[in-house]
Protein backbone atom coordinates (compact mmCIF):
# COMPACT_ATOMS: atom_id res chain seq x y z
CA MET A 1 74.95 46.29 14.92
CA ALA A 2 74.31 44.32 11.74
CA GLU A 3 70.91 43.25 13.08
CA GLU A 4 69.78 46.78 13.63
CA LYS A 5 68.39 48.40 10.57
CA SER A 6 69.73 51.67 9.53
CA LEU A 7 67.52 54.70 9.60
CA LEU A 8 67.49 54.70 5.79
CA GLN A 9 66.34 51.06 5.69
CA GLN A 10 63.61 51.79 8.23
CA ILE A 11 62.39 54.74 6.13
CA GLN A 12 62.46 52.61 2.98
CA GLU A 13 60.43 49.88 4.68
CA LYS A 14 57.89 52.42 5.92
CA GLU A 15 57.65 53.91 2.41
CA LEU A 16 57.12 50.43 0.98
CA MET A 17 54.38 49.68 3.53
CA ILE A 18 52.71 53.01 2.85
CA SER A 19 52.94 52.42 -0.89
CA ILE A 20 51.30 49.01 -0.45
CA ARG A 21 48.52 50.56 1.64
CA ILE A 22 47.99 53.30 -0.95
CA ASP A 23 47.70 50.68 -3.70
CA GLU A 24 45.22 48.65 -1.64
CA THR A 25 43.19 51.76 -0.86
CA ARG A 26 43.24 52.80 -4.52
CA ARG A 27 42.01 49.34 -5.58
CA GLU A 28 39.27 49.45 -2.95
CA GLY A 29 38.25 52.93 -4.11
CA GLU A 30 38.14 51.80 -7.74
CA GLU A 31 36.06 48.81 -6.75
CA ILE A 32 33.66 51.03 -4.81
CA ILE A 33 33.37 53.36 -7.82
CA LEU A 34 32.75 50.44 -10.19
CA ASN A 35 30.08 49.00 -7.89
CA ALA A 36 28.46 52.41 -7.52
CA ARG A 37 28.40 52.89 -11.30
CA LYS A 38 26.91 49.43 -11.78
CA GLU A 39 24.28 50.07 -9.12
CA ALA A 40 23.45 53.47 -10.62
CA SER A 41 23.12 51.92 -14.06
CA GLU A 42 20.81 49.23 -12.70
CA MET A 43 18.74 51.88 -10.92
CA ILE A 44 18.42 53.87 -14.14
CA GLU A 45 17.37 50.78 -16.10
CA THR A 46 14.84 49.85 -13.42
CA SER A 47 13.47 53.39 -13.38
CA GLU A 48 13.19 53.45 -17.16
CA ARG A 49 11.38 50.10 -17.20
CA GLN A 50 9.03 51.23 -14.44
CA GLY A 51 8.46 54.54 -16.21
CA LYS A 52 7.61 52.79 -19.47
CA LYS A 53 5.29 50.42 -17.65
CA THR A 54 3.54 53.28 -15.85
CA ALA A 55 3.24 55.26 -19.08
CA GLN A 56 1.77 52.24 -20.87
CA GLU A 57 -0.74 51.67 -18.06
CA TYR A 58 -1.73 55.34 -18.15
CA TYR A 59 -2.06 55.24 -21.95
CA GLU A 60 -4.27 52.14 -21.82
CA LYS A 61 -6.42 53.61 -19.05
CA GLU A 62 -6.91 56.88 -20.96
CA MET A 63 -7.64 55.05 -24.21
CA GLU A 64 -10.32 53.00 -22.46
CA ARG A 65 -11.81 56.16 -20.96
CA LEU A 66 -11.84 57.77 -24.41
CA ARG A 67 -13.47 54.68 -25.96
CA LYS A 68 -16.23 54.84 -23.38
CA GLU A 69 -16.67 58.57 -23.94
CA ILE A 70 -16.84 58.08 -27.72
CA GLU A 71 -19.40 55.31 -27.28
CA GLN A 72 -21.45 57.52 -24.99
CA LEU A 73 -21.33 60.38 -27.52
CA ARG A 74 -22.38 58.01 -30.31
CA ASN A 75 -25.32 56.80 -28.25
CA GLN A 76 -26.35 60.37 -27.49
CA SER A 77 -26.12 61.41 -31.13
CA ASN A 78 -28.08 58.32 -32.20
CA GLN A 79 -30.78 59.16 -29.67
CA GLN A 80 -30.87 62.77 -30.88
CA ALA A 81 -31.09 61.60 -34.49
CA LEU A 82 -34.01 59.33 -33.59
CA LEU A 83 -35.79 62.19 -31.79
CA VAL A 84 -35.25 64.56 -34.72
CA ARG A 85 -36.47 61.93 -37.15
CA ALA A 86 -39.56 61.18 -35.07
CA GLU A 87 -40.30 64.90 -34.79
CA GLY A 88 -39.78 65.31 -38.53
CA GLU A 89 -42.07 62.39 -39.29
CA HIS A 90 -44.64 63.89 -36.92
CA ASN A 91 -44.45 67.24 -38.72
CA LEU A 92 -44.36 65.68 -42.19
CA PRO A 93 -48.16 65.70 -42.85
CA SER A 94 -48.54 69.37 -41.91
CA ALA A 95 -45.44 70.26 -43.97
CA ILE A 96 -46.89 68.43 -46.98
CA ASP A 97 -50.16 70.31 -46.56
CA LYS A 98 -48.39 73.67 -46.36
CA ILE A 99 -46.23 72.89 -49.40
CA ALA A 100 -49.29 71.73 -51.34
CA LYS A 101 -51.17 74.95 -50.46
CA VAL A 102 -48.25 77.12 -51.53
CA VAL A 103 -47.79 75.22 -54.80
CA SER A 104 -51.49 75.22 -55.59
CA MET A 105 -51.71 78.96 -55.04
CA GLU A 106 -49.18 79.63 -57.77
């Protein structure tokens, strides 16, 4: 009868085994949570880096587009200025004549 464990001893052993399993499960759960947090943090960092890179690429692309548009507008305004100047130079002799007539009439 000494070899047989009492019901109380059997219950205590089962409680000990369950307690050990609970501790192991808790540690595994904590490890899973830590790994998930680490992975989430890495994903956030990667997303932020990618977002910054994409934003920088977009910024550079738009700045280049704006530079080209500004250059085109400058060229157009230069061409318009040349046309206005040429037209003014063409009209200059007749304007001088008209001014001279008006002044001489006074």
